[in-house]
PDB file of N, CA and C in Angstrom:
ATOM      1  N   MET A   1     136.660  96.870  58.047  1.00  0.00           N
ATOM      2  CA  MET A   1     135.873  96.731  59.256  1.00  0.00           C
ATOM      3  C   MET A   1     136.574  95.718  60.143  1.00  0.00           C
ATOM      4  N   THR A   2     136.846  96.129  61.349  1.00  0.00           N
ATOM      5  CA  THR A   2     137.477  95.232  62.307  1.00  0.00           C
ATOM      6  C   THR A   2     136.488  94.919  63.428  1.00  0.00           C
ATOM      7  N   TYR A   3     136.820  93.959  64.232  1.00  0.00           N
ATOM      8  CA  TYR A   3     135.991  93.589  65.375  1.00  0.00           C
ATOM      9  C   TYR A   3     135.849  94.779  66.335  1.00  0.00           C
ATOM     10  N   ASP A   4     136.958  95.482  66.575  1.00  0.00           N
ATOM     11  CA  ASP A   4     136.921  96.648  67.464  1.00  0.00           C
ATOM     12  C   ASP A   4     136.041  97.760  66.903  1.00  0.00           C
ATOM     13  N   ASN A   5     136.106  97.976  65.569  1.00  0.00           N
ATOM     14  CA  ASN A   5     135.240  98.977  64.930  1.00  0.00           C
ATOM     15  C   ASN A   5     133.778  98.629  65.111  1.00  0.00           C
ATOM     16  N   LEU A   6     133.460  97.354  64.952  1.00  0.00           N
ATOM     17  CA  LEU A   6     132.078  96.901  65.104  1.00  0.00           C
ATOM     18  C   LEU A   6     131.596  97.111  66.537  1.00  0.00           C
ATOM     19  N   LEU A   7     132.434  96.766  67.519  1.00  0.00           N
ATOM     20  CA  LEU A   7     132.064  96.978  68.926  1.00  0.00           C
ATOM     21  C   LEU A   7     131.858  98.463  69.225  1.00  0.00           C
ATOM     22  N   GLU A   8     132.718  99.312  68.667  1.00  0.00           N
ATOM     23  CA  GLU A   8     132.577 100.752  68.858  1.00  0.00           C
ATOM     24  C   GLU A   8     131.251 101.245  68.252  1.00  0.00           C
ATOM     25  N   PHE A   9     130.954 100.794  67.044  1.00  0.00           N
ATOM     26  CA  PHE A   9     129.707 101.171  66.373  1.00  0.00           C
ATOM     27  C   PHE A   9     128.496 100.751  67.201  1.00  0.00           C
ATOM     28  N   LEU A  10     128.499  99.502  67.674  1.00  0.00           N
ATOM     29  CA  LEU A  10     127.371  99.009  68.464  1.00  0.00           C
ATOM     30  C   LEU A  10     127.233  99.778  69.774  1.00  0.00           C
ATOM     31  N   GLY A  11     128.354 100.159  70.369  1.00  0.00           N
ATOM     32  CA  GLY A  11     128.319 100.966  71.587  1.00  0.00           C
ATOM     33  C   GLY A  11     127.703 102.328  71.336  1.00  0.00           C
ATOM     34  N   HIS A  12     128.077 102.964  70.223  1.00  0.00           N
ATOM     35  CA  HIS A  12     127.485 104.258  69.858  1.00  0.00           C
ATOM     36  C   HIS A  12     125.980 104.113  69.630  1.00  0.00           C
ATOM     37  N   HIS A  13     125.601 103.024  68.959  1.00  0.00           N
ATOM     38  CA  HIS A  13     124.175 102.786  68.704  1.00  0.00           C
ATOM     39  C   HIS A  13     123.408 102.635  70.012  1.00  0.00           C
ATOM     40  N   LYS A  14     123.936 101.851  70.912  1.00  0.00           N
ATOM     41  CA  LYS A  14     123.265 101.595  72.186  1.00  0.00           C
ATOM     42  C   LYS A  14     123.101 102.877  73.003  1.00  0.00           C
ATOM     43  N   ARG A  15     124.087 103.772  72.932  1.00  0.00           N
ATOM     44  CA  ARG A  15     124.025 105.023  73.682  1.00  0.00           C
ATOM     45  C   ARG A  15     123.294 106.132  72.927  1.00  0.00           C
ATOM     46  N   GLY A  16     122.804 105.839  71.709  1.00  0.00           N
ATOM     47  CA  GLY A  16     122.090 106.849  70.925  1.00  0.00           C
ATOM     48  C   GLY A  16     122.999 107.931  70.370  1.00  0.00           C
ATOM     49  N   LYS A  17     124.246 107.593  70.131  1.00  0.00           N
ATOM     50  CA  LYS A  17     125.236 108.577  69.678  1.00  0.00           C
ATOM     51  C   LYS A  17     125.472 108.556  68.169  1.00  0.00           C
ATOM     52  N   LEU A  18     124.784 107.687  67.444  1.00  0.00           N
ATOM     53  CA  LEU A  18     124.996 107.640  65.995  1.00  0.00           C
ATOM     54  C   LEU A  18     124.348 108.838  65.330  1.00  0.00           C
ATOM     55  N   ARG A  19     125.073 109.443  64.417  1.00  0.00           N
ATOM     56  CA  ARG A  19     124.520 110.553  63.655  1.00  0.00           C
ATOM     57  C   ARG A  19     123.885 110.008  62.381  1.00  0.00           C
ATOM     58  N   ARG A  20     122.743 110.543  62.051  1.00  0.00           N
ATOM     59  CA  ARG A  20     122.034 110.117  60.849  1.00  0.00           C
ATOM     60  C   ARG A  20     122.642 110.793  59.633  1.00  0.00           C
ATOM     61  N   HIS A  21     122.807 110.035  58.570  1.00  0.00           N
ATOM     62  CA  HIS A  21     123.346 110.582  57.328  1.00  0.00           C
ATOM     63  C   HIS A  21     122.477 110.097  56.183  1.00  0.00           C
ATOM     64  N   LEU A  22     121.934 111.032  55.433  1.00  0.00           N
ATOM     65  CA  LEU A  22     121.099 110.700  54.283  1.00  0.00           C
ATOM     66  C   LEU A  22     121.711 111.340  53.049  1.00  0.00           C
ATOM     67  N   LYS A  23     122.019 110.527  52.078  1.00  0.00           N
ATOM     68  CA  LYS A  23     122.567 111.028  50.822  1.00  0.00           C
ATOM     69  C   LYS A  23     121.512 110.863  49.749  1.00  0.00           C
ATOM     70  N   VAL A  24     121.164 111.951  49.102  1.00  0.00           N
ATOM     71  CA  VAL A  24     120.176 111.892  48.033  1.00  0.00           C
ATOM     72  C   VAL A  24     120.825 112.320  46.732  1.00  0.00           C
ATOM     73  N   GLU A  25     120.199 111.910  45.646  1.00  0.00           N
ATOM     74  CA  GLU A  25     120.725 112.198  44.314  1.00  0.00           C
ATOM     75  C   GLU A  25     120.870 113.693  44.087  1.00  0.00           C
ATOM     76  N   ASP A  26     119.883 114.428  44.483  1.00  0.00           N
ATOM     77  CA  ASP A  26     119.916 115.884  44.393  1.00  0.00           C
ATOM     78  C   ASP A  26     119.039 116.423  45.524  1.00  0.00           C
ATOM     79  N   GLU A  27     118.817 117.686  45.558  1.00  0.00           N
ATOM     80  CA  GLU A  27     118.044 118.284  46.649  1.00  0.00           C
ATOM     81  C   GLU A  27     116.538 118.208  46.407  1.00  0.00           C
ATOM     82  N   THR A  28     116.118 117.585  45.316  1.00  0.00           N
ATOM     83  CA  THR A  28     114.713 117.489  44.975  1.00  0.00           C
ATOM     84  C   THR A  28     113.975 116.590  45.962  1.00  0.00           C
ATOM     85  N   GLU A  29     112.836 117.065  46.453  1.00  0.00           N
ATOM     86  CA  GLU A  29     111.958 116.237  47.276  1.00  0.00           C
ATOM     87  C   GLU A  29     110.664 116.099  46.491  1.00  0.00           C
ATOM     88  N   ASP A  30     110.275 114.855  46.211  1.00  0.00           N
ATOM     89  CA  ASP A  30     109.126 114.646  45.339  1.00  0.00           C
ATOM     90  C   ASP A  30     108.566 113.246  45.551  1.00  0.00           C
ATOM     91  N   ILE A  31     107.277 113.104  45.308  1.00  0.00           N
ATOM     92  CA  ILE A  31     106.627 111.799  45.255  1.00  0.00           C
ATOM     93  C   ILE A  31     105.999 111.690  43.874  1.00  0.00           C
ATOM     94  N   THR A  32     106.430 110.696  43.102  1.00  0.00           N
ATOM     95  CA  THR A  32     105.935 110.507  41.741  1.00  0.00           C
ATOM     96  C   THR A  32     105.339 109.117  41.628  1.00  0.00           C
ATOM     97  N   LEU A  33     104.161 109.030  41.029  1.00  0.00           N
ATOM     98  CA  LEU A  33     103.529 107.737  40.797  1.00  0.00           C
ATOM     99  C   LEU A  33     103.975 107.223  39.435  1.00  0.00           C
ATOM    100  N   ASN A  34     104.625 106.053  39.427  1.00  0.00           N
ATOM    101  CA  ASN A  34     105.065 105.394  38.200  1.00  0.00           C
ATOM    102  C   ASN A  34     104.316 104.081  38.081  1.00  0.00           C
ATOM    103  N   GLY A  35     103.173 104.084  37.436  1.00  0.00           N
ATOM    104  CA  GLY A  35     102.333 102.893  37.371  1.00  0.00           C
ATOM    105  C   GLY A  35     101.699 102.647  38.722  1.00  0.00           C
ATOM    106  N   THR A  36     102.089 101.564  39.382  1.00  0.00           N
ATOM    107  CA  THR A  36     101.588 101.293  40.733  1.00  0.00           C
ATOM    108  C   THR A  36     102.677 101.493  41.787  1.00  0.00           C
ATOM    109  N   ILE A  37     103.824 102.038  41.372  1.00  0.00           N
ATOM    110  CA  ILE A  37     104.964 102.244  42.259  1.00  0.00           C
ATOM    111  C   ILE A  37     105.168 103.741  42.482  1.00  0.00           C
ATOM    112  N   TYR A  38     105.357 104.123  43.739  1.00  0.00           N
ATOM    113  CA  TYR A  38     105.680 105.505  44.062  1.00  0.00           C
ATOM    114  C   TYR A  38     107.193 105.653  44.158  1.00  0.00           C
ATOM    115  N   ASP A  39     107.737 106.639  43.473  1.00  0.00           N
ATOM    116  CA  ASP A  39     109.147 106.979  43.550  1.00  0.00           C
ATOM    117  C   ASP A  39     109.258 108.166  44.498  1.00  0.00           C
ATOM    118  N   ILE A  40     109.873 107.947  45.655  1.00  0.00           N
ATOM    119  CA  ILE A  40     109.933 108.969  46.696  1.00  0.00           C
ATOM    120  C   ILE A  40     111.353 109.471  46.820  1.00  0.00           C
ATOM    121  N   LYS A  41     111.533 110.782  46.682  1.00  0.00           N
ATOM    122  CA  LYS A  41     112.847 111.400  46.830  1.00  0.00           C
ATOM    123  C   LYS A  41     112.793 112.378  47.983  1.00  0.00           C
ATOM    124  N   GLY A  42     113.700 112.225  48.923  1.00  0.00           N
ATOM    125  CA  GLY A  42     113.799 113.163  50.027  1.00  0.00           C
ATOM    126  C   GLY A  42     113.218 112.618  51.310  1.00  0.00           C
ATOM    127  N   ASP A  43     113.873 112.922  52.402  1.00  0.00           N
ATOM    128  CA  ASP A  43     113.478 112.412  53.708  1.00  0.00           C
ATOM    129  C   ASP A  43     112.118 112.934  54.154  1.00  0.00           C
ATOM    130  N   ASN A  44     111.848 114.204  53.933  1.00  0.00           N
ATOM    131  CA  ASN A  44     110.561 114.770  54.347  1.00  0.00           C
ATOM    132  C   ASN A  44     109.401 114.141  53.588  1.00  0.00           C
ATOM    133  N   LYS A  45     109.601 113.884  52.309  1.00  0.00           N
ATOM    134  CA  LYS A  45     108.551 113.254  51.503  1.00  0.00           C
ATOM    135  C   LYS A  45     108.338 111.811  51.938  1.00  0.00           C
ATOM    136  N   LEU A  46     109.411 111.118  52.324  1.00  0.00           N
ATOM    137  CA  LEU A  46     109.273 109.749  52.816  1.00  0.00           C
ATOM    138  C   LEU A  46     108.436 109.739  54.088  1.00  0.00           C
ATOM    139  N   LYS A  47     108.737 110.628  55.022  1.00  0.00           N
ATOM    140  CA  LYS A  47     107.957 110.713  56.261  1.00  0.00           C
ATOM    141  C   LYS A  47     106.499 111.028  55.965  1.00  0.00           C
ATOM    142  N   GLU A  48     106.254 111.956  55.045  1.00  0.00           N
ATOM    143  CA  GLU A  48     104.883 112.321  54.652  1.00  0.00           C
ATOM    144  C   GLU A  48     104.141 111.101  54.109  1.00  0.00           C
ATOM    145  N   PHE A  49     104.824 110.312  53.309  1.00  0.00           N
ATOM    146  CA  PHE A  49     104.205 109.153  52.675  1.00  0.00           C
ATOM    147  C   PHE A  49     103.912 108.044  53.680  1.00  0.00           C
ATOM    148  N   ILE A  50     104.882 107.720  54.529  1.00  0.00           N
ATOM    149  CA  ILE A  50     104.683 106.593  55.444  1.00  0.00           C
ATOM    150  C   ILE A  50     103.780 106.934  56.618  1.00  0.00           C
ATOM    151  N   ASN A  51     103.559 108.202  56.892  1.00  0.00           N
ATOM    152  CA  ASN A  51     102.656 108.600  57.970  1.00  0.00           C
ATOM    153  C   ASN A  51     101.195 108.641  57.530  1.00  0.00           C
ATOM    154  N   ASN A  52     100.909 108.327  56.276  1.00  0.00           N
ATOM    155  CA  ASN A  52      99.546 108.284  55.760  1.00  0.00           C
ATOM    156  C   ASN A  52      98.859 107.030  56.300  1.00  0.00           C
ATOM    157  N   LYS A  53      97.877 107.216  57.146  1.00  0.00           N
ATOM    158  CA  LYS A  53      97.200 106.080  57.785  1.00  0.00           C
ATOM    159  C   LYS A  53      96.073 105.502  56.917  1.00  0.00           C
ATOM    160  N   ASN A  54      95.878 106.013  55.716  1.00  0.00           N
ATOM    161  CA  ASN A  54      94.794 105.546  54.847  1.00  0.00           C
ATOM    162  C   ASN A  54      95.209 104.415  53.915  1.00  0.00           C
ATOM    163  N   MET A  55      96.460 103.964  54.002  1.00  0.00           N
ATOM    164  CA  MET A  55      96.882 102.880  53.128  1.00  0.00           C
ATOM    165  C   MET A  55      97.996 102.079  53.777  1.00  0.00           C
ATOM    166  N   ASP A  56      98.098 100.823  53.376  1.00  0.00           N
ATOM    167  CA  ASP A  56      99.197  99.964  53.795  1.00  0.00           C
ATOM    168  C   ASP A  56     100.311 100.107  52.775  1.00  0.00           C
ATOM    169  N   ILE A  57     101.539 100.151  53.243  1.00  0.00           N
ATOM    170  CA  ILE A  57     102.664 100.334  52.321  1.00  0.00           C
ATOM    171  C   ILE A  57     103.789  99.360  52.637  1.00  0.00           C
ATOM    172  N   VAL A  58     104.599  99.109  51.630  1.00  0.00           N
ATOM    173  CA  VAL A  58     105.859  98.389  51.763  1.00  0.00           C
ATOM    174  C   VAL A  58     106.903  99.306  51.148  1.00  0.00           C
ATOM    175  N   VAL A  59     107.974  99.558  51.872  1.00  0.00           N
ATOM    176  CA  VAL A  59     109.019 100.443  51.375  1.00  0.00           C
ATOM    177  C   VAL A  59     110.232  99.608  51.004  1.00  0.00           C
ATOM    178  N   LEU A  60     110.679  99.741  49.770  1.00  0.00           N
ATOM    179  CA  LEU A  60     111.902  99.109  49.295  1.00  0.00           C
ATOM    180  C   LEU A  60     112.922 100.216  49.074  1.00  0.00           C
ATOM    181  N   TYR A  61     114.058 100.100  49.716  1.00  0.00           N
ATOM    182  CA  TYR A  61     115.108 101.106  49.589  1.00  0.00           C
ATOM    183  C   TYR A  61     116.083 100.673  48.503  1.00  0.00           C
ATOM    184  N   TYR A  62     116.529 101.651  47.732  1.00  0.00           N
ATOM    185  CA  TYR A  62     117.474 101.377  46.662  1.00  0.00           C
ATOM    186  C   TYR A  62     118.516 102.478  46.662  1.00  0.00           C
ATOM    187  N   ALA A  63     119.748 102.101  46.584  1.00  0.00           N
ATOM    188  CA  ALA A  63     120.833 103.078  46.480  1.00  0.00           C
ATOM    189  C   ALA A  63     121.704 102.677  45.304  1.00  0.00           C
ATOM    190  N   HIS A  64     121.878 103.577  44.388  1.00  0.00           N
ATOM    191  CA  HIS A  64     122.718 103.338  43.220  1.00  0.00           C
ATOM    192  C   HIS A  64     124.011 104.099  43.435  1.00  0.00           C
ATOM    193  N   PHE A  65     125.102 103.377  43.454  1.00  0.00           N
ATOM    194  CA  PHE A  65     126.406 104.002  43.593  1.00  0.00           C
ATOM    195  C   PHE A  65     127.238 103.671  42.370  1.00  0.00           C
ATOM    196  N   GLU A  66     127.827 104.695  41.803  1.00  0.00           N
ATOM    197  CA  GLU A  66     128.690 104.480  40.654  1.00  0.00           C
ATOM    198  C   GLU A  66     130.061 104.057  41.123  1.00  0.00           C
ATOM    199  N   HIS A  67     130.622 103.099  40.432  1.00  0.00           N
ATOM    200  CA  HIS A  67     131.984 102.651  40.747  1.00  0.00           C
ATOM    201  C   HIS A  67     132.948 103.382  39.830  1.00  0.00           C
ATOM    202  N   HIS A  68     133.889 104.070  40.433  1.00  0.00           N
ATOM    203  CA  HIS A  68     134.907 104.784  39.653  1.00  0.00           C
ATOM    204  C   HIS A  68     136.227 104.045  39.771  1.00  0.00           C
ATOM    205  N   SER A  69     136.866 103.803  38.641  1.00  0.00           N
ATOM    206  CA  SER A  69     138.153 103.089  38.658  1.00  0.00           C
ATOM    207  C   SER A  69     139.303 104.030  38.838  1.00  0.00           C
TER     208      SER A  69
END
């Protein structure tokens, strides 16, 4: 990452030119209750969950990436 790359990125953001990229483990979209924690897979399921006006939520994002040598 260089200073010029960062300026270019911020310029794209300001002009609304950034493309959204979502990487999921698989194509499964699901909401599973694990104790008191919901495990949400998939963008559509996330939107469905956070648009529920009957409860307050906190969303913690987690991404697991394997390191290959």
